């Protein structure tokens, strides 16, 4: 009995490791992957991920201030690491085992590579760096790119070779 349960668990786990084979599904052929992704993505970032980045930056600022004061200014160079805090948060969570930031997980979406596999840490780094560079350079206008392609990808998704989809693409889950 337990062996059957273990085998079923491995099959479900394997299904989540590889969402599809080859190119991503088309939105009209598999709408369960794409329904509501844009709004969920915006809300996840604004409500949870933005707050997480602010919280981590506040903790880092306190830590770096303490290091600077304790070293009498000799280690003030640690402040150069401050810009890496948001980069690290997004890279490590997207490149981690859930393929999603905390906000994405809360709203049932995740990042996948173009082939359906979970993104690598390098893809997550490229995705995050491209996000911060393009939104900063264009005052976030680049995010409107999402409305001009059928899979609702952002420019940084295309640069990194990733796609944001619903985490549970089961039609029964979508109707719940």
Protein backbone atom coordinates (compact mmCIF):
# COMPACT_ATOMS: atom_id res chain seq x y z
CA UNK A 1 0.00 0.00 0.00
CA UNK A 2 2.74 2.45 0.97
CA UNK A 3 4.76 1.59 -2.15
CA UNK A 4 1.77 2.50 -4.34
CA UNK A 5 1.42 5.85 -2.56
CA UNK A 6 5.14 6.56 -2.97
CA UNK A 7 4.95 5.78 -6.71
CA UNK A 8 1.93 8.07 -7.15
CA UNK A 9 3.74 10.85 -5.31
CA UNK A 10 6.74 10.50 -7.62
CA UNK A 11 4.48 10.71 -10.70
CA UNK A 12 2.83 13.92 -9.44
CA UNK A 13 6.24 15.37 -8.56
CA UNK A 14 7.58 14.51 -12.02
CA UNK A 15 4.55 16.17 -13.62
CA UNK A 16 5.33 19.42 -11.82
CA UNK A 17 9.01 19.25 -12.77
CA UNK A 18 8.19 19.30 -16.51
CA UNK A 19 4.97 21.16 -17.33
CA UNK A 20 5.15 20.32 -21.08
CA UNK A 21 7.57 18.97 -23.66
CA UNK A 22 8.88 21.17 -26.46
CA UNK A 23 7.42 24.61 -27.11
CA UNK A 24 4.88 26.11 -24.71
CA UNK A 25 1.20 25.43 -25.27
CA UNK A 26 -0.79 28.01 -27.19
CA UNK A 27 -3.15 30.09 -25.03
CA UNK A 28 -6.18 29.23 -27.15
CA UNK A 29 -5.37 25.50 -26.97
CA UNK A 30 -4.56 25.44 -23.23
CA UNK A 31 -6.13 28.52 -21.59
CA UNK A 32 -5.80 26.90 -18.16
CA UNK A 33 -2.10 27.83 -18.19
CA UNK A 34 -2.68 31.51 -18.95
CA UNK A 35 -6.03 32.58 -17.48
CA UNK A 36 -5.58 35.48 -15.06
CA UNK A 37 -1.79 35.37 -15.05
CA UNK A 38 -1.23 39.07 -15.74
CA UNK A 39 -3.48 40.32 -12.95
CA UNK A 40 -2.14 37.74 -10.50
CA UNK A 41 1.42 38.69 -11.41
CA UNK A 42 0.80 42.40 -10.80
CA UNK A 43 -1.01 41.85 -7.51
CA UNK A 44 1.61 39.36 -6.30
CA UNK A 45 4.41 41.82 -6.95
CA UNK A 46 2.64 44.85 -5.51
CA UNK A 47 1.20 43.22 -2.40
CA UNK A 48 3.74 40.61 -1.39
CA UNK A 49 7.01 40.69 -3.34
CA UNK A 50 7.39 44.47 -3.13
CA UNK A 51 6.85 44.30 0.62
CA UNK A 52 9.29 41.40 0.96
CA UNK A 53 11.95 43.37 -0.91
CA UNK A 54 11.33 46.40 1.32
CA UNK A 55 11.55 44.25 4.43
CA UNK A 56 14.76 42.56 3.29
CA UNK A 57 16.26 45.94 2.35
CA UNK A 58 15.37 47.32 5.82
CA UNK A 59 17.02 44.33 7.50
CA UNK A 60 20.07 44.69 5.25
CA UNK A 61 20.27 48.42 6.02
CA UNK A 62 20.24 47.74 9.76
CA UNK A 63 22.85 45.02 9.36
CA UNK A 64 25.10 47.15 7.15
CA UNK A 65 24.72 50.15 9.48
CA UNK A 66 25.72 47.98 12.43
CA UNK A 67 28.74 46.64 10.55
CA UNK A 68 29.74 50.17 9.53
CA UNK A 69 29.40 51.54 13.06
CA UNK A 70 31.09 48.55 14.68
CA UNK A 71 34.07 48.80 12.27
CA UNK A 72 34.24 52.60 12.74
CA UNK A 73 33.56 53.03 9.03
CA UNK A 74 36.30 50.69 7.84
CA UNK A 75 33.77 48.22 6.41
CA UNK A 76 31.39 50.75 4.87
CA UNK A 77 32.11 49.00 1.56
CA UNK A 78 29.43 46.45 2.53
CA UNK A 79 26.86 49.02 1.41
CA UNK A 80 27.82 48.12 -2.15
CA UNK A 81 25.98 44.83 -1.53
CA UNK A 82 22.73 46.67 -0.78
CA UNK A 83 21.68 46.70 -4.44
CA UNK A 84 22.01 42.92 -4.54
CA UNK A 85 19.22 42.37 -2.01
CA UNK A 86 16.27 42.57 -4.47
CA UNK A 87 18.31 40.73 -7.09
CA UNK A 88 19.03 37.91 -4.64
CA UNK A 89 15.40 37.66 -3.45
CA UNK A 90 13.98 37.25 -6.94
CA UNK A 91 16.80 35.09 -8.30
CA UNK A 92 16.84 32.64 -5.42
CA UNK A 93 13.07 32.27 -5.18
CA UNK A 94 12.44 31.96 -8.93
CA UNK A 95 15.45 29.69 -9.38
CA UNK A 96 14.45 27.65 -6.31
CA UNK A 97 12.37 24.50 -6.03
CA UNK A 98 9.02 26.33 -6.30
CA UNK A 99 9.98 28.39 -9.39
CA UNK A 100 8.15 31.35 -7.92
CA UNK A 101 8.55 34.25 -5.54
CA UNK A 102 6.48 34.23 -2.35
CA UNK A 103 3.91 36.48 -4.02
CA UNK A 104 3.68 34.25 -7.07
CA UNK A 105 3.20 31.21 -4.87
CA UNK A 106 0.43 32.95 -2.93
CA UNK A 107 -1.41 33.75 -6.17
CA UNK A 108 -0.92 30.37 -7.84
CA UNK A 109 1.53 31.25 -10.59
CA UNK A 110 5.06 30.13 -11.35
CA UNK A 111 7.90 30.67 -13.79
CA UNK A 112 8.83 27.98 -16.31
CA UNK A 113 11.49 27.86 -18.97
CA UNK A 114 10.34 27.89 -22.58
CA UNK A 115 10.59 24.07 -22.62
CA UNK A 116 8.36 23.63 -19.56
CA UNK A 117 11.14 22.81 -17.11
CA UNK A 118 11.81 24.79 -13.96
CA UNK A 119 14.13 27.75 -14.64
CA UNK A 120 17.79 27.46 -13.75
CA UNK A 121 19.45 29.91 -11.39
CA UNK A 122 21.09 31.55 -14.42
CA UNK A 123 17.70 32.03 -16.09
CA UNK A 124 16.31 33.45 -12.85
CA UNK A 125 19.25 35.84 -12.61
CA UNK A 126 18.84 36.98 -16.23
CA UNK A 127 15.07 37.36 -15.71
CA UNK A 128 15.55 39.46 -12.58
CA UNK A 129 18.38 41.61 -13.94
CA UNK A 130 16.47 42.24 -17.18
CA UNK A 131 13.36 43.15 -15.15
CA UNK A 132 15.18 45.75 -13.06
CA UNK A 133 17.17 47.16 -15.99
CA UNK A 134 14.24 47.46 -18.41
CA UNK A 135 11.72 48.82 -15.91
CA UNK A 136 14.21 51.36 -14.61
CA UNK A 137 15.24 52.48 -18.09
CA UNK A 138 11.66 52.89 -19.33
CA UNK A 139 9.90 54.02 -16.13
CA UNK A 140 8.04 50.67 -16.19
CA UNK A 141 6.47 51.35 -19.60
CA UNK A 142 8.15 48.19 -20.87
CA UNK A 143 5.64 46.20 -18.83
CA UNK A 144 2.96 47.15 -21.35
CA UNK A 145 4.69 44.68 -23.68
CA UNK A 146 2.63 41.97 -21.97
CA UNK A 147 -0.50 43.14 -23.82
CA UNK A 148 1.04 42.73 -27.27
CA UNK A 149 1.75 38.99 -27.37
CA UNK A 150 -0.54 36.00 -27.07
CA UNK A 151 1.22 34.30 -24.14
CA UNK A 152 1.28 37.52 -22.12
CA UNK A 153 5.08 37.44 -21.75
CA UNK A 154 7.01 40.48 -20.61
CA UNK A 155 10.18 41.54 -22.37
CA UNK A 156 12.31 40.19 -19.52
CA UNK A 157 10.52 36.82 -19.86
CA UNK A 158 11.53 36.66 -23.52
CA UNK A 159 15.11 37.70 -22.77
CA UNK A 160 15.45 34.96 -20.15
CA UNK A 161 13.55 32.31 -22.13
CA UNK A 162 10.86 31.95 -19.48
CA UNK A 163 7.10 32.05 -19.21
CA UNK A 164 4.78 32.70 -16.26
CA UNK A 165 1.88 30.27 -16.01
CA UNK A 166 -0.79 29.13 -13.57
CA UNK A 167 0.72 26.79 -11.03
CA UNK A 168 -2.12 24.27 -11.12
CA UNK A 169 -3.28 24.11 -14.73
CA UNK A 170 -6.16 21.77 -13.92
CA UNK A 171 -9.47 23.20 -15.21
CA UNK A 172 -11.22 22.11 -12.00
CA UNK A 173 -8.78 24.27 -9.99
CA UNK A 174 -9.41 27.27 -12.25
CA UNK A 175 -13.14 27.17 -11.58
CA UNK A 176 -12.70 26.99 -7.82
